[in-house]
Protein backbone atom coordinates (compact mmCIF):
# COMPACT_ATOMS: atom_id res chain seq x y z
CA MET A 1 -14.80 13.05 -15.94
CA ALA A 2 -12.18 14.95 -17.89
CA ARG A 3 -8.50 14.33 -17.19
CA ASN A 4 -6.48 17.40 -16.40
CA GLY A 5 -3.14 15.77 -17.27
CA ILE A 6 -1.97 15.72 -13.67
CA GLY A 7 -1.06 12.46 -11.99
CA ARG A 8 -0.76 8.90 -13.16
CA PRO A 9 -3.20 7.54 -15.76
CA SER A 10 -5.89 5.22 -14.42
CA LYS A 11 -5.16 1.49 -14.52
CA GLY A 12 -8.88 0.82 -14.89
CA GLU A 13 -11.24 -0.96 -12.55
CA ARG A 14 -9.35 -2.81 -9.81
CA ASP A 15 -10.04 -5.24 -6.97
CA ALA A 16 -8.49 -4.66 -3.55
CA ILE A 17 -6.60 -7.56 -1.99
CA LEU A 18 -4.51 -7.05 1.13
CA ALA A 19 -1.35 -9.06 1.86
CA LYS A 20 0.51 -8.96 5.17
CA PRO A 21 3.73 -10.92 4.84
CA PRO A 22 6.10 -11.45 7.77
CA VAL A 23 8.34 -8.40 8.21
CA THR A 24 11.52 -10.11 6.97
CA PHE A 25 9.78 -11.47 3.85
CA GLY A 26 8.08 -8.12 3.27
CA ALA A 27 11.48 -6.43 3.27
CA ILE A 28 12.66 -8.83 0.54
CA LEU A 29 9.54 -8.15 -1.54
CA LYS A 30 9.99 -4.39 -1.15
CA GLU A 31 13.67 -4.54 -2.09
CA ASN A 32 12.90 -6.60 -5.21
CA ALA A 33 10.02 -4.30 -6.19
CA ASP A 34 12.30 -1.27 -5.86
CA LYS A 35 14.94 -2.95 -8.05
CA GLU A 36 12.29 -3.61 -10.71
CA GLY A 37 10.99 -0.06 -10.48
CA LEU A 38 7.52 -1.33 -9.55
CA SER A 39 5.13 -0.47 -6.76
CA TYR A 40 4.81 -3.16 -4.12
CA GLY A 41 1.33 -4.10 -5.37
CA ASP A 42 2.46 -4.28 -9.01
CA TYR A 43 5.40 -6.46 -8.01
CA LEU A 44 3.06 -8.92 -6.28
CA LEU A 45 0.82 -8.90 -9.39
CA LEU A 46 3.87 -9.67 -11.52
CA LEU A 47 4.79 -12.65 -9.33
CA ALA A 48 1.23 -13.98 -9.34
CA ALA A 49 0.80 -13.55 -13.10
CA GLU A 50 4.08 -15.37 -13.76
CA ARG A 51 3.22 -18.20 -11.35
CA LEU A 52 -0.25 -18.66 -12.84
CA ASN A 53 1.11 -18.42 -16.41
CA MET A 54 -1.22 -15.49 -17.12
CA PRO A 55 1.09 -12.80 -18.55
CA GLN A 56 -1.87 -10.70 -19.72
CA TYR A 57 -2.40 -9.72 -16.05
CA ALA A 58 1.22 -8.75 -15.40
CA PRO A 59 1.79 -5.02 -14.97
CA LYS A 60 3.53 -3.19 -17.77
CA PRO A 61 7.21 -2.47 -17.10
CA PRO A 62 7.88 1.09 -15.93
CA ARG A 63 8.80 3.61 -18.61
CA ASP A 64 12.29 5.03 -18.65
CA ARG A 65 11.16 8.60 -19.18
CA ALA A 66 14.70 9.99 -19.07
CA ALA A 67 15.66 7.80 -22.04
CA GLU A 68 12.55 8.94 -23.94
CA LEU A 69 13.38 12.64 -23.70
CA ASP A 70 15.54 14.16 -26.40
CA ILE A 71 17.24 16.80 -24.29
CA PRO A 72 20.54 17.99 -25.73
CA ARG A 73 23.35 18.58 -23.29
CA GLU A 74 24.42 22.20 -22.95
CA ALA A 75 27.62 22.97 -24.76
CA SER A 76 30.11 24.94 -22.80
CA SER A 77 30.50 28.35 -24.37
CA ALA A 78 33.66 30.42 -24.38
CA ALA A 79 31.78 33.35 -25.91
CA ALA A 80 30.71 36.22 -23.65
């Protein structure tokens, strides 16, 4: 299947595991995931990989795409 360049690249073959934490604990997990810039699932993978001392399974940190772009700021122009 050819990629059309739209959407997120595949993370490869995955297993599905469902977690249903208590609402108050879930809110903490979500808040921490948001602070890290990770999806909720990736945040849980990060915690598990750290706890099991298996960093090869930790998700890659999110890219700061804005910092990667070399977009010059527009100069204000008095000409016209």
